[in-house]
Protein backbone atom coordinates (compact mmCIF):
# COMPACT_ATOMS: atom_id res chain seq x y z
CA MET A 1 -72.22 10.43 -5.20
CA LEU A 2 -74.62 8.01 -6.94
CA ALA A 3 -72.39 7.92 -10.00
CA LEU A 4 -69.40 7.00 -7.81
CA SER A 5 -71.26 4.15 -6.12
CA GLU A 6 -72.44 2.85 -9.50
CA PHE A 7 -68.87 3.01 -10.77
CA LEU A 8 -67.59 1.00 -7.76
CA VAL A 9 -70.30 -1.64 -8.22
CA ALA A 10 -69.46 -1.89 -11.92
CA LEU A 11 -65.73 -2.15 -11.08
CA ILE A 12 -66.35 -4.96 -8.58
CA LEU A 13 -68.55 -6.81 -11.07
CA PHE A 14 -65.90 -6.42 -13.77
CA PHE A 15 -63.25 -7.76 -11.38
CA LEU A 16 -65.38 -10.79 -10.43
CA ILE A 17 -66.26 -11.62 -14.03
CA ALA A 18 -62.63 -11.23 -15.14
CA HIS A 19 -61.46 -13.42 -12.28
CA PHE A 20 -64.12 -16.05 -13.07
CA LEU A 21 -63.01 -16.17 -16.71
CA LYS A 22 -59.37 -16.42 -15.61
CA LEU A 23 -60.21 -19.47 -13.45
CA GLN A 24 -62.09 -21.05 -16.35
CA TRP A 25 -59.12 -20.52 -18.64
CA ALA A 26 -56.65 -21.95 -16.09
CA GLY A 27 -58.97 -24.91 -15.47
CA ARG A 28 -58.71 -26.05 -19.09
CA ARG A 29 -55.25 -27.48 -18.36
CA LEU A 30 -56.35 -29.27 -15.18
CA PRO A 31 -58.33 -32.45 -14.42
CA PRO A 32 -62.13 -31.91 -14.31
CA GLY A 33 -63.86 -30.60 -11.20
CA PRO A 34 -66.66 -28.39 -9.88
CA THR A 35 -66.87 -24.83 -11.21
CA PRO A 36 -64.96 -22.42 -8.95
CA LEU A 37 -66.28 -19.03 -7.86
CA PRO A 38 -64.10 -15.90 -7.91
CA VAL A 39 -61.89 -15.40 -4.83
CA ILE A 40 -63.22 -18.35 -2.77
CA GLY A 41 -63.00 -21.05 -5.46
CA ASN A 42 -64.80 -24.22 -4.31
CA LEU A 43 -64.58 -23.48 -0.58
CA TRP A 44 -68.31 -22.73 -0.52
CA LEU A 45 -69.00 -26.24 -1.87
CA LEU A 46 -66.76 -27.75 0.83
CA ASN A 47 -68.33 -25.61 3.61
CA PHE A 48 -64.83 -24.13 4.11
CA HIS A 49 -63.59 -27.56 5.28
CA ILE A 50 -61.42 -30.18 3.61
CA HIS A 51 -63.61 -33.23 4.19
CA HIS A 52 -62.69 -36.72 2.97
CA ASP A 53 -66.28 -37.89 2.41
CA GLN A 54 -67.04 -34.84 0.26
CA PHE A 55 -64.05 -35.77 -1.91
CA ILE A 56 -65.29 -39.36 -2.22
CA GLN A 57 -68.67 -38.05 -3.39
CA LEU A 58 -67.07 -35.63 -5.86
CA ALA A 59 -65.02 -38.52 -7.29
CA LYS A 60 -68.27 -40.24 -8.31
CA THR A 61 -68.99 -37.27 -10.57
CA TYR A 62 -65.54 -36.20 -11.77
CA GLY A 63 -63.43 -39.38 -11.49
CA ASN A 64 -60.59 -40.44 -9.19
CA VAL A 65 -58.40 -37.49 -10.25
CA PHE A 66 -60.19 -34.16 -10.06
CA THR A 67 -59.56 -30.49 -9.29
CA VAL A 68 -60.93 -28.32 -6.49
CA TRP A 69 -59.99 -24.70 -5.95
CA LEU A 70 -59.04 -23.64 -2.43
CA GLY A 71 -59.46 -19.94 -2.93
CA GLN A 72 -57.38 -19.06 -5.96
CA ARG A 73 -55.19 -22.18 -5.85
CA PRO A 74 -56.09 -25.35 -7.76
CA VAL A 75 -55.62 -28.63 -5.86
CA ILE A 76 -55.56 -32.04 -7.55
CA VAL A 77 -57.41 -34.57 -5.36
CA LEU A 78 -56.59 -38.28 -5.65
CA ASN A 79 -59.09 -41.00 -4.75
CA GLY A 80 -58.98 -44.78 -4.55
CA TYR A 81 -56.16 -47.24 -3.83
CA ARG A 82 -54.80 -47.52 -7.36
CA THR A 83 -54.71 -43.77 -7.95
CA VAL A 84 -53.19 -42.87 -4.58
CA LYS A 85 -50.60 -45.66 -4.68
CA ASP A 86 -49.60 -44.74 -8.24
CA ALA A 87 -49.04 -41.14 -7.14
CA LEU A 88 -47.36 -41.64 -3.76
CA VAL A 89 -45.23 -44.67 -4.65
CA SER A 90 -44.69 -44.75 -8.43
CA HIS A 91 -44.33 -40.94 -8.59
CA SER A 92 -42.88 -40.48 -5.13
CA GLU A 93 -39.87 -38.47 -6.33
CA GLU A 94 -42.02 -35.97 -8.23
CA LEU A 95 -44.36 -35.45 -5.26
CA THR A 96 -41.89 -34.82 -2.44
CA GLY A 97 -42.67 -31.13 -2.07
CA ARG A 98 -44.88 -29.32 0.44
CA PRO A 99 -47.00 -26.32 -0.59
CA THR A 100 -46.97 -23.20 1.57
CA PHE A 101 -50.02 -21.41 2.92
CA PRO A 102 -50.13 -18.02 4.70
CA LEU A 103 -51.19 -19.45 8.08
CA GLN A 104 -48.43 -22.06 7.93
CA LEU A 105 -45.84 -19.45 6.94
CA ALA A 106 -46.92 -17.26 9.86
CA THR A 107 -46.15 -20.10 12.28
CA SER A 108 -43.87 -22.96 11.25
CA GLY A 109 -42.62 -21.34 8.06
CA SER A 110 -40.75 -23.85 5.89
CA LYS A 111 -38.52 -25.22 8.62
CA GLY A 112 -38.33 -28.60 10.34
CA ILE A 113 -39.62 -31.82 8.78
CA ILE A 114 -43.37 -31.66 8.08
CA THR A 115 -43.60 -28.44 6.06
CA SER A 116 -40.05 -28.04 4.73
CA ASN A 117 -38.83 -28.69 1.19
CA GLY A 118 -35.77 -29.63 -0.80
CA HIS A 119 -32.39 -29.70 0.91
CA ILE A 120 -33.78 -28.59 4.30
CA TRP A 121 -36.35 -31.40 4.31
CA LYS A 122 -33.83 -34.06 3.25
CA GLN A 123 -31.33 -33.10 5.95
CA GLN A 124 -33.87 -32.70 8.73
CA ARG A 125 -35.71 -35.93 7.91
CA ARG A 126 -32.45 -37.89 7.66
CA PHE A 127 -31.42 -36.49 11.03
CA GLY A 128 -34.81 -37.41 12.56
CA LEU A 129 -34.64 -41.02 11.32
CA MET A 130 -31.02 -41.42 12.44
CA THR A 131 -31.71 -39.96 15.89
CA LEU A 132 -34.78 -42.13 16.50
CA ARG A 133 -32.66 -45.18 15.69
CA ASN A 134 -29.87 -43.94 17.99
CA LEU A 135 -32.41 -43.48 20.78
CA GLY A 136 -33.61 -47.02 20.39
CA LEU A 137 -36.41 -47.14 17.82
CA GLY A 138 -36.86 -50.81 17.03
CA LYS A 139 -34.69 -51.75 20.00
CA ARG A 140 -35.39 -52.64 23.61
CA SER A 141 -34.37 -49.26 25.06
CA LEU A 142 -37.23 -47.22 23.57
CA GLU A 143 -39.66 -50.10 23.91
CA GLU A 144 -38.90 -50.21 27.63
CA ARG A 145 -39.89 -46.52 27.92
CA ILE A 146 -43.22 -47.34 26.25
CA GLN A 147 -43.74 -50.31 28.58
CA GLU A 148 -43.10 -48.08 31.60
CA GLU A 149 -45.67 -45.52 30.41
CA ALA A 150 -48.17 -48.30 29.67
CA GLN A 151 -47.76 -49.63 33.21
CA GLN A 152 -48.18 -46.12 34.62
CA LEU A 153 -51.39 -45.78 32.59
CA VAL A 154 -52.72 -49.08 33.97
CA GLU A 155 -52.00 -47.90 37.52
CA VAL A 156 -53.76 -44.56 36.93
CA PHE A 157 -56.88 -46.30 35.60
CA SER A 158 -56.75 -48.80 38.45
CA ALA A 159 -56.73 -45.98 41.02
CA GLU A 160 -60.11 -44.80 39.68
CA ARG A 161 -61.67 -48.10 40.93
CA GLY A 162 -64.18 -48.37 38.12
CA ARG A 163 -65.60 -44.85 38.49
CA PRO A 164 -66.83 -43.11 35.31
CA ILE A 165 -63.92 -41.19 33.79
CA ASP A 166 -62.94 -39.38 30.62
CA PRO A 167 -59.87 -41.38 29.47
CA LEU A 168 -58.42 -38.52 27.40
CA PRO A 169 -56.22 -36.81 30.05
CA PHE A 170 -54.78 -40.16 31.20
CA ILE A 171 -54.06 -41.40 27.67
CA VAL A 172 -52.55 -38.14 26.43
CA ASN A 173 -50.30 -37.99 29.50
CA ALA A 174 -48.92 -41.47 28.84
CA VAL A 175 -48.48 -41.03 25.08
CA ALA A 176 -47.03 -37.52 25.28
CA ASN A 177 -44.53 -38.69 27.89
CA VAL A 178 -43.10 -41.18 25.40
CA ILE A 179 -42.29 -38.45 22.89
CA CYS A 180 -41.18 -36.13 25.75
CA SER A 181 -38.60 -38.71 26.82
CA VAL A 182 -37.38 -38.89 23.21
CA VAL A 183 -37.06 -35.15 22.54
CA PHE A 184 -36.60 -33.65 26.04
CA GLY A 185 -35.10 -36.60 27.92
CA HIS A 186 -37.65 -36.57 30.75
CA ARG A 187 -41.32 -37.22 31.48
CA PHE A 188 -43.96 -35.05 33.18
CA SER A 189 -46.25 -35.76 36.10
CA ILE A 190 -49.95 -35.70 35.20
CA ASP A 191 -50.31 -32.86 37.75
CA ASP A 192 -47.56 -30.69 36.20
CA ASP A 193 -48.96 -27.26 35.23
CA VAL A 194 -46.37 -26.77 32.47
CA PHE A 195 -47.35 -30.12 30.97
CA HIS A 196 -51.03 -29.12 30.97
CA GLN A 197 -50.14 -25.88 29.18
CA LEU A 198 -48.17 -27.80 26.54
CA ILE A 199 -51.04 -30.24 25.97
CA GLU A 200 -53.56 -27.39 25.77
CA ALA A 201 -51.38 -25.53 23.27
CA THR A 202 -50.90 -28.69 21.21
CA ALA A 203 -54.65 -29.40 21.14
CA PHE A 204 -55.43 -25.86 19.97
CA LEU A 205 -52.83 -26.00 17.20
CA ILE A 206 -54.08 -29.40 16.04
CA ASN A 207 -57.73 -28.32 16.04
CA ALA A 208 -57.19 -24.93 14.39
CA ARG A 209 -57.66 -26.29 10.88
CA LYS A 210 -61.23 -27.42 11.58
CA HIS A 211 -62.36 -23.79 11.80
CA ALA A 212 -63.43 -21.72 8.81
CA TRP A 213 -61.29 -18.81 10.03
CA SER A 214 -58.14 -20.76 9.14
CA ARG A 215 -59.31 -20.88 5.49
CA ILE A 216 -60.24 -17.20 5.65
CA TYR A 217 -56.74 -16.42 6.97
CA ASP A 218 -55.22 -18.19 3.97
CA LEU A 219 -57.47 -16.16 1.65
CA PHE A 220 -56.95 -12.75 3.31
CA PRO A 221 -53.79 -12.86 5.49
CA TRP A 222 -53.23 -9.10 5.20
CA LEU A 223 -56.71 -8.51 6.66
CA MET A 224 -56.63 -11.22 9.35
CA GLU A 225 -53.32 -9.91 10.71
CA ARG A 226 -55.02 -6.61 11.50
CA ILE A 227 -58.25 -7.77 13.16
CA PRO A 228 -58.93 -9.67 16.40
CA GLY A 229 -60.21 -13.24 16.39
CA PRO A 230 -59.40 -16.85 17.35
CA HIS A 231 -56.35 -16.82 15.08
CA LYS A 232 -54.70 -14.57 17.67
CA MET A 233 -55.09 -17.36 20.22
CA LEU A 234 -53.42 -19.75 17.77
CA PHE A 235 -50.35 -17.49 17.63
CA HIS A 236 -50.38 -17.26 21.43
CA HIS A 237 -50.27 -21.06 21.82
CA TRP A 238 -47.67 -21.40 19.07
CA LYS A 239 -45.40 -18.88 20.85
CA GLN A 240 -46.03 -20.63 24.18
CA LEU A 241 -44.91 -24.02 22.81
CA ARG A 242 -41.96 -22.45 21.02
CA SER A 243 -40.91 -20.64 24.21
CA TYR A 244 -40.87 -23.90 26.18
CA ILE A 245 -38.78 -25.63 23.50
CA LYS A 246 -36.27 -22.75 23.64
CA GLN A 247 -36.12 -23.10 27.41
CA GLU A 248 -35.35 -26.83 27.05
CA ILE A 249 -32.62 -26.08 24.52
CA ARG A 250 -30.97 -23.58 26.91
CA SER A 251 -31.11 -26.13 29.71
CA HIS A 252 -29.57 -28.81 27.51
CA ARG A 253 -26.75 -26.48 26.46
CA GLU A 254 -25.95 -25.79 30.12
CA HIS A 255 -25.98 -29.46 31.14
CA MET A 256 -24.48 -31.19 28.09
CA THR A 257 -22.80 -34.53 28.77
CA SER A 258 -20.38 -36.45 26.60
CA GLU A 259 -23.10 -38.95 25.67
CA PRO A 260 -26.28 -37.47 24.12
CA GLN A 261 -29.44 -38.57 25.93
CA ASP A 262 -32.25 -37.23 23.74
CA LEU A 263 -33.04 -35.58 20.42
CA ILE A 264 -32.06 -32.08 21.57
CA ASP A 265 -28.65 -33.35 22.68
CA PHE A 266 -28.12 -35.04 19.32
CA TYR A 267 -29.18 -31.89 17.46
CA LEU A 268 -26.84 -29.64 19.46
CA ASN A 269 -24.00 -32.04 18.64
CA GLN A 270 -25.00 -31.96 14.97
CA ILE A 271 -24.88 -28.14 14.94
CA SER A 272 -21.35 -28.28 16.37
CA LYS A 273 -20.21 -30.95 13.89
CA THR A 274 -21.49 -29.05 10.84
CA LYS A 275 -20.40 -25.57 11.91
CA GLY A 276 -18.78 -23.89 8.94
CA ASP A 277 -20.43 -26.21 6.42
CA PRO A 278 -22.11 -23.88 3.86
CA PHE A 279 -24.63 -26.61 2.94
CA SER A 280 -25.70 -27.37 6.51
CA THR A 281 -29.27 -26.57 7.55
CA TYR A 282 -28.68 -27.52 11.18
CA ASP A 283 -29.45 -24.41 13.23
CA GLU A 284 -31.60 -23.42 16.19
CA GLU A 285 -34.62 -22.44 14.08
CA ASN A 286 -34.76 -25.82 12.40
CA MET A 287 -34.11 -27.55 15.73
CA ILE A 288 -37.08 -25.76 17.34
CA GLN A 289 -39.35 -26.77 14.46
CA VAL A 290 -38.14 -30.41 14.41
CA VAL A 291 -38.91 -30.71 18.14
CA HIS A 292 -42.23 -28.94 17.56
CA ASP A 293 -43.14 -31.32 14.69
CA LEU A 294 -42.27 -34.46 16.63
CA PHE A 295 -44.04 -33.31 19.79
CA LEU A 296 -47.28 -32.41 17.98
CA ALA A 297 -47.39 -35.44 15.71
CA GLY A 298 -46.08 -37.86 18.33
CA SER A 299 -48.62 -36.93 20.98
CA GLU A 300 -51.78 -36.28 18.94
CA THR A 301 -52.09 -39.15 16.49
CA THR A 302 -51.43 -42.05 18.89
CA THR A 303 -53.61 -40.47 21.60
CA THR A 304 -56.53 -40.09 19.20
CA THR A 305 -56.14 -43.65 17.87
CA LEU A 306 -56.18 -45.08 21.41
CA ARG A 307 -59.30 -43.04 22.26
CA TRP A 308 -61.02 -44.59 19.24
CA ALA A 309 -59.75 -48.03 20.30
CA VAL A 310 -61.35 -47.75 23.76
CA LEU A 311 -64.56 -46.37 22.22
CA TYR A 312 -64.84 -49.21 19.69
CA MET A 313 -64.18 -51.88 22.33
CA VAL A 314 -66.97 -50.41 24.47
CA LYS A 315 -69.27 -50.25 21.44
CA TYR A 316 -68.41 -53.82 20.41
CA PRO A 317 -68.05 -55.75 23.70
CA GLU A 318 -67.98 -59.12 21.91
CA ILE A 319 -64.77 -58.03 20.10
CA GLN A 320 -63.29 -56.78 23.39
CA GLU A 321 -64.01 -60.13 25.01
CA LYS A 322 -62.39 -62.04 22.16
CA VAL A 323 -59.26 -59.86 22.45
CA GLN A 324 -59.07 -60.53 26.19
CA LYS A 325 -59.43 -64.29 25.71
CA GLU A 326 -56.51 -64.30 23.27
CA LEU A 327 -54.37 -62.15 25.60
CA ASP A 328 -55.12 -64.47 28.54
CA ALA A 329 -54.42 -67.64 26.57
CA VAL A 330 -51.19 -66.46 24.95
CA LEU A 331 -49.60 -64.04 27.45
CA GLY A 332 -51.11 -64.67 30.87
CA SER A 333 -51.14 -61.95 33.49
CA SER A 334 -47.46 -61.52 34.36
CA HIS A 335 -45.77 -61.45 30.95
CA ILE A 336 -44.16 -58.09 30.06
CA ILE A 337 -45.70 -57.29 26.70
CA CYS A 338 -43.31 -56.43 23.87
CA TYR A 339 -43.92 -55.51 20.26
CA GLU A 340 -42.68 -58.91 19.09
CA ASP A 341 -45.72 -60.49 20.81
CA ARG A 342 -47.97 -59.23 18.00
CA LYS A 343 -46.89 -62.27 15.96
CA ARG A 344 -48.52 -64.54 18.54
CA LEU A 345 -51.70 -62.45 18.80
CA PRO A 346 -53.27 -62.42 15.32
CA TYR A 347 -56.77 -61.41 16.41
CA THR A 348 -55.57 -58.62 18.71
CA ASN A 349 -53.20 -57.38 15.98
CA ALA A 350 -56.10 -57.42 13.50
CA VAL A 351 -58.29 -55.39 15.89
CA ILE A 352 -55.58 -52.72 16.32
CA HIS A 353 -55.17 -52.47 12.54
CA GLU A 354 -58.94 -52.22 12.08
CA VAL A 355 -59.06 -49.40 14.65
CA GLN A 356 -56.56 -47.53 12.49
CA ARG A 357 -58.37 -48.31 9.24
CA TYR A 358 -61.91 -47.64 10.40
CA GLY A 359 -60.94 -44.77 12.74
CA ASN A 360 -59.13 -43.17 9.79
CA ILE A 361 -57.74 -40.35 11.93
CA VAL A 362 -55.73 -38.66 9.16
CA PRO A 363 -58.30 -38.99 6.36
CA VAL A 364 -56.63 -36.64 3.91
CA GLY A 365 -52.86 -36.82 3.69
CA VAL A 366 -50.71 -33.75 4.21
CA PRO A 367 -50.71 -31.89 0.84
CA ARG A 368 -47.91 -32.67 -1.61
CA LEU A 369 -46.34 -30.28 -4.10
CA CYS A 370 -45.33 -31.49 -7.54
CA VAL A 371 -41.62 -30.61 -7.85
CA LYS A 372 -41.25 -31.70 -11.47
CA GLN A 373 -43.60 -32.25 -14.42
CA THR A 374 -45.35 -35.64 -14.24
CA THR A 375 -48.48 -37.52 -15.33
CA LEU A 376 -51.08 -39.04 -13.01
CA GLN A 377 -53.69 -41.35 -14.52
CA GLU A 378 -53.09 -39.79 -17.94
CA PHE A 379 -53.51 -36.23 -16.61
CA PRO A 380 -50.44 -33.96 -17.03
CA ILE A 381 -49.50 -32.36 -13.69
CA ASN A 382 -47.30 -29.27 -13.87
CA LYS A 383 -44.49 -28.40 -11.50
CA GLY A 384 -45.82 -26.33 -8.59
CA THR A 385 -49.26 -28.02 -8.56
CA ILE A 386 -50.71 -29.02 -5.16
CA VAL A 387 -51.73 -32.68 -4.91
CA LEU A 388 -53.96 -33.97 -2.12
CA PRO A 389 -54.13 -37.75 -1.52
CA ASN A 390 -57.49 -38.75 -0.02
CA LEU A 391 -56.25 -41.55 2.25
CA SER A 392 -59.74 -42.38 3.49
CA SER A 393 -60.73 -43.32 -0.07
CA VAL A 394 -58.03 -46.01 0.18
CA LEU A 395 -58.93 -47.19 3.68
CA TYR A 396 -62.60 -47.36 2.63
CA ASP A 397 -62.03 -48.58 -0.93
CA PRO A 398 -64.76 -51.22 -1.58
CA GLU A 399 -62.45 -53.02 -4.02
CA HIS A 400 -60.06 -53.85 -1.16
CA TRP A 401 -62.26 -54.10 1.94
CA GLU A 402 -65.19 -56.47 2.27
CA THR A 403 -67.20 -54.16 4.56
CA PRO A 404 -65.41 -50.79 4.26
CA ARG A 405 -67.93 -48.80 6.34
CA ARG A 406 -68.21 -51.35 9.13
CA PHE A 407 -65.78 -52.14 11.97
CA ASN A 408 -64.59 -55.61 11.03
CA PRO A 409 -61.28 -57.13 12.28
CA SER A 410 -61.72 -59.95 9.75
CA HIS A 411 -60.36 -57.54 7.14
CA PHE A 412 -56.92 -58.52 8.48
CA LEU A 413 -57.49 -62.25 9.01
CA ASP A 414 -57.49 -65.22 6.65
CA LYS A 415 -59.90 -68.16 6.91
CA GLU A 416 -57.60 -69.90 9.41
CA GLY A 417 -57.48 -66.84 11.68
CA ASN A 418 -53.93 -65.82 10.76
CA PHE A 419 -53.04 -62.14 10.51
CA VAL A 420 -52.82 -60.83 6.92
CA SER A 421 -51.18 -57.56 5.85
CA LYS A 422 -53.08 -55.47 3.29
CA GLU A 423 -51.55 -53.23 0.63
CA ALA A 424 -54.44 -50.79 0.95
CA PHE A 425 -53.63 -50.21 4.64
CA ILE A 426 -51.82 -46.85 4.46
CA PRO A 427 -52.84 -44.80 7.53
CA PHE A 428 -49.27 -43.44 7.68
CA SER A 429 -49.35 -42.41 3.99
CA ALA A 430 -46.71 -43.81 1.59
CA GLY A 431 -43.68 -42.94 -0.50
CA GLN A 432 -40.80 -40.68 0.46
CA ARG A 433 -43.04 -38.50 2.66
CA VAL A 434 -44.36 -41.45 4.69
CA CYS A 435 -44.79 -40.66 8.39
CA LEU A 436 -41.40 -40.42 10.10
CA GLY A 437 -42.74 -41.91 13.35
CA GLU A 438 -44.62 -44.87 11.84
CA GLN A 439 -42.61 -47.55 13.66
CA LEU A 440 -42.81 -45.67 16.97
CA ALA A 441 -46.58 -45.26 16.61
CA ARG A 442 -47.11 -48.94 15.74
CA THR A 443 -45.11 -50.01 18.79
CA GLU A 444 -46.96 -47.60 21.11
CA LEU A 445 -50.40 -48.64 19.87
CA PHE A 446 -49.70 -52.33 20.35
CA ILE A 447 -48.14 -52.06 23.81
CA PHE A 448 -50.67 -49.56 25.20
CA PHE A 449 -53.67 -51.42 23.76
CA THR A 450 -52.65 -54.88 24.98
CA ASN A 451 -51.72 -53.67 28.47
CA LEU A 452 -55.03 -51.85 28.88
CA PHE A 453 -57.28 -54.67 27.71
CA ARG A 454 -55.38 -57.33 29.61
CA ALA A 455 -55.89 -55.33 32.81
CA PHE A 456 -59.42 -53.93 32.34
CA THR A 457 -62.81 -54.43 30.81
CA PHE A 458 -64.05 -51.07 29.55
CA GLN A 459 -67.77 -50.44 29.68
CA LEU A 460 -70.36 -47.66 29.79
CA PRO A 461 -71.28 -46.05 33.13
CA ALA A 462 -74.51 -47.25 34.76
CA GLY A 463 -77.54 -45.62 33.14
CA THR A 464 -75.74 -44.89 29.84
CA THR A 465 -77.09 -46.97 26.96
CA ARG A 466 -74.87 -45.94 24.03
CA ILE A 467 -71.58 -44.30 23.25
CA ASN A 468 -71.36 -41.50 20.67
CA SER A 469 -69.26 -42.71 17.74
CA ASP A 470 -69.84 -39.62 15.56
CA ILE A 471 -66.70 -37.84 14.40
CA ILE A 472 -65.23 -34.39 14.96
CA VAL A 473 -63.30 -33.22 11.89
CA ALA A 474 -60.15 -31.29 12.80
CA ALA A 475 -56.55 -31.83 11.68
CA THR A 476 -57.31 -35.40 12.78
CA ILE A 477 -60.64 -37.25 13.00
CA GLN A 478 -61.49 -37.24 16.72
CA PRO A 479 -64.25 -38.82 18.83
CA HIS A 480 -66.62 -36.71 20.88
CA PRO A 481 -65.68 -36.60 24.60
CA TYR A 482 -66.99 -39.67 26.40
CA LYS A 483 -66.89 -41.34 29.80
CA ILE A 484 -66.28 -45.01 30.50
CA CYS A 485 -65.59 -47.29 33.46
CA ALA A 486 -62.35 -49.28 33.58
CA ILE A 487 -63.29 -52.45 35.49
CA GLN A 488 -60.32 -54.33 36.88
CA ARG A 489 -60.04 -57.88 35.56
CA LEU A 490 -59.12 -60.67 37.96
């Protein structure tokens, strides 16, 4: 028995040493980086999290292009404005792919827009852009929906009469209803139980990646599928959201009109138009995932940015007051705010941009896959290599921002107080994989923000001396829950 146990120990040691040497050999053809361990790679060094600040620190040692191993897969990390722009813009065509991971394959697969590749991605993205335009993106029709939700949000806050509240449920209701009107053709009441289930499912799916078990699943999918744990709850919420989308699709099929009213209508028409086309990727599975992608991305990112906006305005009351003075002087109290008004509100526009830069809610871009051999900063990158753009290293790049680690709206203003665009402002990423909903998000942020701060002064509840501005690292960078008072302005 002792001999058997000694043999097993020796076998395991041999396997680990052989695997370590294999990683060292493979690493010779890659940019420099920390030494990986067998099986887990550099995950121990990253505390089983992909953290933007850790990457910025590693860049000081290994340079702006370096390698980390997520388990047994090497990932090329890009840091700094010049490096990231060169990759995402100058080599955009070569970096259009998306890598696949076991947890992703077990849920979204390679369907839809966010995680798909090649012909599927091109068709689904083209359809998404075309449909958003047809539904009014950049036109008055969709902007009017946002204005209606902004007014509803103002009324909800007003009904609280300055009592301490957590703004999250009110903000997520308003923002999610914009994307609901786009994809489903209707909005939800804040008291709707189905809506609460959808929001809860969305939050769980978004936050799943902050947990170490998601990395462990990617390392040992065959094991995780057979044992209980929080990953089972992830699949439950994923099925719940998918089931509701299927229900909406059935309802749309039964009540189709001659004129499509929302994204599902347009997609059903597209399936009919391309029936029999051997190159068509328009089918129900892709439709479900497109709706899923838009609902998750469209509700989470704008909600989180607005939560940071309220938090920063409470933390910096002098900036809030300056925003309100500009809104009062330029718009007055009765003007219906539209996106075009940003051109007349340089300081307010600068504050919103600084919220996005400093809040940095998507600090590491969605991973790219190199689809053809290329060279980044003199390093050869082979086809099939995963590339990770560290967007926060651009938004905090000291070469492009005067005070990168301080909230400072002057980053977007010239000496005369005029708004100035910055090349290093890329919260929506860049290149061919730039965020599909960038224009929608910009419009929402401006209209929601200006309506809220024209109507209210946000401040801490009595007896509270500071607001927690520490971050929670999940799929997005989120604030800790907080309570504020929305004081009606006269």
